[in-house]
Amino acid sequence: MVIAATAPDRLLGLCLNDVGPVLERAGLSRIGEYIGVQPTVPSLAEVADRMAAAMPGFANVPDLRWQEETVRHYVQLADRVGLTYDPALRHSFDAAMAAPPVDLWPYFDACAGLPLALIRAENSDVLSAETAREMRARRPDMGFAQIADRGHIPFLDEDEALICIADWLAKMDANTSVTH
């Protein structure tokens, strides 16, 4: 959304995965419990076994799917499990959480004219149903899918998500054809 407001010529469109101009503090606080924290378990199998309990709002997720998610977010090291991202990300997160809230609606509104899609988890603790409704009211042309049995963030391989993404990509292709 910031790029749409500051460098719109760099975007063909925007697909938001369970985020928007209002992010719920409770969900962000939950994320703050683990972001940048090195796992204390020695194996990826142990991480996968704990994923379902650590990810509130998810239901009907097969064990194999949790194993796939585990290897996206963690790496097996010689004697422990490590993160696949820089743990210093926690510093930026903590600074943002300590700062006063920012009104991000102008950044959302700056997406006007861009193909826009929103995929929301039905059980999200980060993007509320109220915020999603307001986003849809401001952008009735925005593609939208709400994914059942998912918390923050949907996997994006759910049927509803794939349909929404395909429709959004088609809108971007149509816009690119018209402008070039």
C-alpha atoms as a PDB file:
ATOM      1  CA  MET A   1       0.000   0.000   0.000  1.00  0.00           C
ATOM      2  CA  VAL A   2       2.930   2.314   0.697  1.00  0.00           C
ATOM      3  CA  ILE A   3       4.327   1.639  -2.765  1.00  0.00           C
ATOM      4  CA  ALA A   4       0.899   2.439  -4.259  1.00  0.00           C
ATOM      5  CA  ALA A   5       1.010   5.788  -2.453  1.00  0.00           C
ATOM      6  CA  THR A   6       4.644   6.635  -3.162  1.00  0.00           C
ATOM      7  CA  ALA A   7       5.591   4.907  -6.425  1.00  0.00           C
ATOM      8  CA  PRO A   8       2.387   3.720  -8.119  1.00  0.00           C
ATOM      9  CA  ASP A   9       4.128   3.264 -11.473  1.00  0.00           C
ATOM     10  CA  ARG A  10       6.004   0.328  -9.920  1.00  0.00           C
ATOM     11  CA  LEU A  11       2.833  -1.706  -9.365  1.00  0.00           C
ATOM     12  CA  LEU A  12       0.530  -3.518 -11.730  1.00  0.00           C
ATOM     13  CA  GLY A  13      -1.786  -4.522  -8.892  1.00  0.00           C
ATOM     14  CA  LEU A  14      -1.905  -5.562  -5.277  1.00  0.00           C
ATOM     15  CA  CYS A  15      -3.109  -8.781  -3.623  1.00  0.00           C
ATOM     16  CA  LEU A  16      -3.329  -8.559   0.165  1.00  0.00           C
ATOM     17  CA  ASN A  17      -3.131 -11.741   2.226  1.00  0.00           C
ATOM     18  CA  ASP A  18      -5.021 -11.128   5.466  1.00  0.00           C
ATOM     19  CA  VAL A  19      -3.720  -7.591   5.960  1.00  0.00           C
ATOM     20  CA  GLY A  20      -5.156  -4.149   5.410  1.00  0.00           C
ATOM     21  CA  PRO A  21      -5.146  -0.568   6.655  1.00  0.00           C
ATOM     22  CA  VAL A  22      -6.152  -1.617  10.187  1.00  0.00           C
ATOM     23  CA  LEU A  23      -4.234  -4.400  11.918  1.00  0.00           C
ATOM     24  CA  GLU A  24      -5.622  -5.683  15.187  1.00  0.00           C
ATOM     25  CA  ARG A  25      -3.278  -5.249  18.167  1.00  0.00           C
ATOM     26  CA  ALA A  26      -4.217  -8.615  19.676  1.00  0.00           C
ATOM     27  CA  GLY A  27      -3.109 -10.458  16.553  1.00  0.00           C
ATOM     28  CA  LEU A  28       0.047  -8.393  16.258  1.00  0.00           C
ATOM     29  CA  SER A  29       0.846  -9.070  19.907  1.00  0.00           C
ATOM     30  CA  ARG A  30       0.449 -12.807  19.282  1.00  0.00           C
ATOM     31  CA  ILE A  31       2.860 -12.574  16.338  1.00  0.00           C
ATOM     32  CA  GLY A  32       5.231 -10.640  18.595  1.00  0.00           C
ATOM     33  CA  GLU A  33       5.494 -13.684  20.843  1.00  0.00           C
ATOM     34  CA  TYR A  34       7.415 -15.610  18.192  1.00  0.00           C
ATOM     35  CA  ILE A  35       8.788 -13.250  15.537  1.00  0.00           C
ATOM     36  CA  GLY A  36      12.570 -13.389  15.546  1.00  0.00           C
ATOM     37  CA  VAL A  37      12.626 -15.974  18.341  1.00  0.00           C
ATOM     38  CA  GLN A  38      14.871 -18.951  17.659  1.00  0.00           C
ATOM     39  CA  PRO A  39      13.071 -22.260  18.190  1.00  0.00           C
ATOM     40  CA  THR A  40      14.216 -24.271  21.200  1.00  0.00           C
ATOM     41  CA  VAL A  41      13.436 -27.685  19.722  1.00  0.00           C
ATOM     42  CA  PRO A  42      16.139 -29.735  17.995  1.00  0.00           C
ATOM     43  CA  SER A  43      14.193 -30.953  14.932  1.00  0.00           C
ATOM     44  CA  LEU A  44      11.811 -29.812  12.219  1.00  0.00           C
ATOM     45  CA  ALA A  45       9.578 -32.768  13.089  1.00  0.00           C
ATOM     46  CA  GLU A  46       9.046 -31.312  16.567  1.00  0.00           C
ATOM     47  CA  VAL A  47       8.208 -27.911  15.105  1.00  0.00           C
ATOM     48  CA  ALA A  48       5.689 -29.497  12.727  1.00  0.00           C
ATOM     49  CA  ASP A  49       4.105 -31.402  15.620  1.00  0.00           C
ATOM     50  CA  ARG A  50       3.552 -28.107  17.478  1.00  0.00           C
ATOM     51  CA  MET A  51       2.351 -26.020  14.514  1.00  0.00           C
ATOM     52  CA  ALA A  52      -1.363 -26.725  14.861  1.00  0.00           C
ATOM     53  CA  ALA A  53      -1.380 -25.650  18.512  1.00  0.00           C
ATOM     54  CA  ALA A  54       0.751 -22.581  17.771  1.00  0.00           C
ATOM     55  CA  MET A  55      -1.477 -21.298  14.949  1.00  0.00           C
ATOM     56  CA  PRO A  56      -4.881 -20.286  16.355  1.00  0.00           C
ATOM     57  CA  GLY A  57      -7.888 -20.258  14.087  1.00  0.00           C
ATOM     58  CA  PHE A  58      -6.782 -23.084  11.827  1.00  0.00           C
ATOM     59  CA  ALA A  59      -8.933 -26.195  11.568  1.00  0.00           C
ATOM     60  CA  ASN A  60      -8.992 -29.250   9.335  1.00  0.00           C
ATOM     61  CA  VAL A  61      -5.332 -28.909   8.363  1.00  0.00           C
ATOM     62  CA  PRO A  62      -3.660 -32.255   7.657  1.00  0.00           C
ATOM     63  CA  ASP A  63      -0.347 -33.043   9.366  1.00  0.00           C
ATOM     64  CA  LEU A  64       1.396 -33.078   5.976  1.00  0.00           C
ATOM     65  CA  ARG A  65       0.332 -29.463   5.387  1.00  0.00           C
ATOM     66  CA  TRP A  66       1.865 -28.432   8.718  1.00  0.00           C
ATOM     67  CA  GLN A  67       5.069 -30.188   7.693  1.00  0.00           C
ATOM     68  CA  GLU A  68       5.106 -28.153   4.454  1.00  0.00           C
ATOM     69  CA  GLU A  69       4.601 -24.922   6.405  1.00  0.00           C
ATOM     70  CA  THR A  70       7.375 -25.871   8.813  1.00  0.00           C
ATOM     71  CA  VAL A  71      10.010 -26.077   6.070  1.00  0.00           C
ATOM     72  CA  ARG A  72       8.866 -22.713   4.693  1.00  0.00           C
ATOM     73  CA  HIS A  73       9.568 -20.972   7.994  1.00  0.00           C
ATOM     74  CA  TYR A  74      12.346 -23.024   9.579  1.00  0.00           C
ATOM     75  CA  VAL A  75      15.558 -24.763   8.588  1.00  0.00           C
ATOM     76  CA  GLN A  76      17.260 -27.760  10.146  1.00  0.00           C
ATOM     77  CA  LEU A  77      20.739 -26.880  11.390  1.00  0.00           C
ATOM     78  CA  ALA A  78      23.318 -29.304  12.767  1.00  0.00           C
ATOM     79  CA  ASP A  79      21.957 -29.374  16.321  1.00  0.00           C
ATOM     80  CA  ARG A  80      18.860 -27.199  16.288  1.00  0.00           C
ATOM     81  CA  VAL A  81      16.169 -25.578  14.188  1.00  0.00           C
ATOM     82  CA  GLY A  82      16.782 -22.100  12.798  1.00  0.00           C
ATOM     83  CA  LEU A  83      14.709 -19.369  11.197  1.00  0.00           C
ATOM     84  CA  THR A  84      14.590 -18.847   7.426  1.00  0.00           C
ATOM     85  CA  TYR A  85      14.592 -15.065   7.916  1.00  0.00           C
ATOM     86  CA  ASP A  86      16.752 -12.559   9.749  1.00  0.00           C
ATOM     87  CA  PRO A  87      15.827 -12.677  13.462  1.00  0.00           C
ATOM     88  CA  ALA A  88      16.667  -8.960  13.653  1.00  0.00           C
ATOM     89  CA  LEU A  89      13.255  -8.420  12.042  1.00  0.00           C
ATOM     90  CA  ARG A  90      12.067  -8.473  15.643  1.00  0.00           C
ATOM     91  CA  HIS A  91      13.719  -5.062  16.249  1.00  0.00           C
ATOM     92  CA  SER A  92      11.640  -3.407  13.507  1.00  0.00           C
ATOM     93  CA  PHE A  93       8.515  -5.171  14.721  1.00  0.00           C
ATOM     94  CA  ASP A  94       9.074  -4.043  18.326  1.00  0.00           C
ATOM     95  CA  ALA A  95       9.721  -0.458  17.194  1.00  0.00           C
ATOM     96  CA  ALA A  96       6.513  -0.439  15.159  1.00  0.00           C
ATOM     97  CA  MET A  97       4.521  -1.851  18.070  1.00  0.00           C
ATOM     98  CA  ALA A  98       5.937   0.806  20.425  1.00  0.00           C
ATOM     99  CA  ALA A  99       5.077   3.665  18.058  1.00  0.00           C
ATOM    100  CA  PRO A 100       1.664   5.332  18.032  1.00  0.00           C
ATOM    101  CA  PRO A 101      -0.800   3.803  15.557  1.00  0.00           C
ATOM    102  CA  VAL A 102      -0.722   5.258  12.040  1.00  0.00           C
ATOM    103  CA  ASP A 103      -3.794   5.901   9.892  1.00  0.00           C
ATOM    104  CA  LEU A 104      -3.181   3.625   6.902  1.00  0.00           C
ATOM    105  CA  TRP A 105      -6.499   4.275   5.142  1.00  0.00           C
ATOM    106  CA  PRO A 106      -4.891   6.918   2.879  1.00  0.00           C
ATOM    107  CA  TYR A 107      -2.421   4.239   1.729  1.00  0.00           C
ATOM    108  CA  PHE A 108      -5.267   1.861   0.968  1.00  0.00           C
ATOM    109  CA  ASP A 109      -7.107   4.602  -0.899  1.00  0.00           C
ATOM    110  CA  ALA A 110      -3.928   5.244  -2.924  1.00  0.00           C
ATOM    111  CA  CYS A 111      -4.502   1.842  -4.530  1.00  0.00           C
ATOM    112  CA  ALA A 112      -7.279   3.407  -6.631  1.00  0.00           C
ATOM    113  CA  GLY A 113      -6.909   2.401 -10.238  1.00  0.00           C
ATOM    114  CA  LEU A 114      -4.890  -0.730  -9.469  1.00  0.00           C
ATOM    115  CA  PRO A 115      -6.350  -4.215  -9.671  1.00  0.00           C
ATOM    116  CA  LEU A 116      -6.788  -5.129  -6.018  1.00  0.00           C
ATOM    117  CA  ALA A 117      -7.589  -8.387  -4.238  1.00  0.00           C
ATOM    118  CA  LEU A 118      -8.040  -9.288  -0.601  1.00  0.00           C
ATOM    119  CA  ILE A 119      -7.836 -12.766   0.843  1.00  0.00           C
ATOM    120  CA  ARG A 120      -9.043 -12.888   4.436  1.00  0.00           C
ATOM    121  CA  ALA A 121      -8.907 -15.724   6.927  1.00  0.00           C
ATOM    122  CA  GLU A 122     -12.315 -16.286   8.488  1.00  0.00           C
ATOM    123  CA  ASN A 123     -10.722 -16.679  11.939  1.00  0.00           C
ATOM    124  CA  SER A 124      -8.115 -13.948  11.549  1.00  0.00           C
ATOM    125  CA  ASP A 125      -6.983 -12.097  14.645  1.00  0.00           C
ATOM    126  CA  VAL A 126      -5.042  -9.585  12.492  1.00  0.00           C
ATOM    127  CA  LEU A 127      -7.569  -8.424   9.868  1.00  0.00           C
ATOM    128  CA  SER A 128     -11.051  -7.972  11.318  1.00  0.00           C
ATOM    129  CA  ALA A 129     -14.245  -8.655   9.404  1.00  0.00           C
ATOM    130  CA  GLU A 130     -15.154  -4.977   9.976  1.00  0.00           C
ATOM    131  CA  THR A 131     -11.962  -3.752   8.315  1.00  0.00           C
ATOM    132  CA  ALA A 132     -12.507  -6.132   5.390  1.00  0.00           C
ATOM    133  CA  ARG A 133     -16.082  -4.814   5.008  1.00  0.00           C
ATOM    134  CA  GLU A 134     -14.839  -1.218   4.944  1.00  0.00           C
ATOM    135  CA  MET A 135     -12.172  -2.115   2.397  1.00  0.00           C
ATOM    136  CA  ARG A 136     -14.823  -3.699   0.182  1.00  0.00           C
ATOM    137  CA  ALA A 137     -17.102  -0.683   0.586  1.00  0.00           C
ATOM    138  CA  ARG A 138     -14.286   1.644  -0.519  1.00  0.00           C
ATOM    139  CA  ARG A 139     -13.295  -0.666  -3.380  1.00  0.00           C
ATOM    140  CA  PRO A 140     -16.348  -2.588  -4.629  1.00  0.00           C
ATOM    141  CA  ASP A 141     -14.257  -3.765  -7.598  1.00  0.00           C
ATOM    142  CA  MET A 142     -11.733  -5.455  -5.292  1.00  0.00           C
ATOM    143  CA  GLY A 143     -11.540  -9.221  -5.609  1.00  0.00           C
ATOM    144  CA  PHE A 144     -12.322 -10.901  -2.304  1.00  0.00           C
ATOM    145  CA  ALA A 145     -12.171 -14.350  -0.788  1.00  0.00           C
ATOM    146  CA  GLN A 146     -12.771 -15.344   2.803  1.00  0.00           C
ATOM    147  CA  ILE A 147     -11.124 -18.623   3.684  1.00  0.00           C
ATOM    148  CA  ALA A 148     -12.969 -20.864   6.158  1.00  0.00           C
ATOM    149  CA  ASP A 149     -11.080 -22.738   8.873  1.00  0.00           C
ATOM    150  CA  ARG A 150      -8.072 -20.433   8.621  1.00  0.00           C
ATOM    151  CA  GLY A 151      -6.428 -17.985  10.983  1.00  0.00           C
ATOM    152  CA  HIS A 152      -3.775 -15.447  10.056  1.00  0.00           C
ATOM    153  CA  ILE A 153      -2.502 -16.120   7.370  1.00  0.00           C
ATOM    154  CA  PRO A 154      -4.213 -18.373   4.836  1.00  0.00           C
ATOM    155  CA  PHE A 155      -1.889 -20.714   2.949  1.00  0.00           C
ATOM    156  CA  LEU A 156      -3.057 -19.363  -0.468  1.00  0.00           C
ATOM    157  CA  ASP A 157      -3.528 -22.869  -1.833  1.00  0.00           C
ATOM    158  CA  GLU A 158      -7.168 -23.029  -0.730  1.00  0.00           C
ATOM    159  CA  ASP A 159      -9.647 -23.190  -3.632  1.00  0.00           C
ATOM    160  CA  GLU A 160     -11.216 -19.829  -2.799  1.00  0.00           C
ATOM    161  CA  ALA A 161      -7.807 -18.152  -2.593  1.00  0.00           C
ATOM    162  CA  LEU A 162      -6.686 -19.652  -5.906  1.00  0.00           C
ATOM    163  CA  ILE A 163      -9.847 -18.450  -7.664  1.00  0.00           C
ATOM    164  CA  CYS A 164      -9.434 -14.948  -6.227  1.00  0.00           C
ATOM    165  CA  ILE A 165      -5.766 -14.813  -7.242  1.00  0.00           C
ATOM    166  CA  ALA A 166      -6.540 -16.073 -10.770  1.00  0.00           C
ATOM    167  CA  ASP A 167      -9.257 -13.406 -11.200  1.00  0.00           C
ATOM    168  CA  TRP A 168      -6.881 -10.714  -9.898  1.00  0.00           C
ATOM    169  CA  LEU A 169      -4.122 -11.837 -12.288  1.00  0.00           C
ATOM    170  CA  ALA A 170      -6.591 -11.733 -15.183  1.00  0.00           C
ATOM    171  CA  LYS A 171      -7.499  -8.136 -14.261  1.00  0.00           C
ATOM    172  CA  MET A 172      -3.820  -7.215 -14.235  1.00  0.00           C
ATOM    173  CA  ASP A 173      -3.320  -8.856 -17.635  1.00  0.00           C
ATOM    174  CA  ALA A 174      -6.303  -6.936 -19.026  1.00  0.00           C
ATOM    175  CA  ASN A 175      -4.939  -3.646 -17.629  1.00  0.00           C
ATOM    176  CA  THR A 176      -1.465  -4.339 -19.025  1.00  0.00           C
ATOM    177  CA  SER A 177      -2.910  -5.106 -22.480  1.00  0.00           C
ATOM    178  CA  VAL A 178      -4.849  -1.832 -22.489  1.00  0.00           C
ATOM    179  CA  THR A 179      -1.918   0.330 -21.365  1.00  0.00           C
ATOM    180  CA  HIS A 180       0.719  -1.194 -23.655  1.00  0.00           C
END
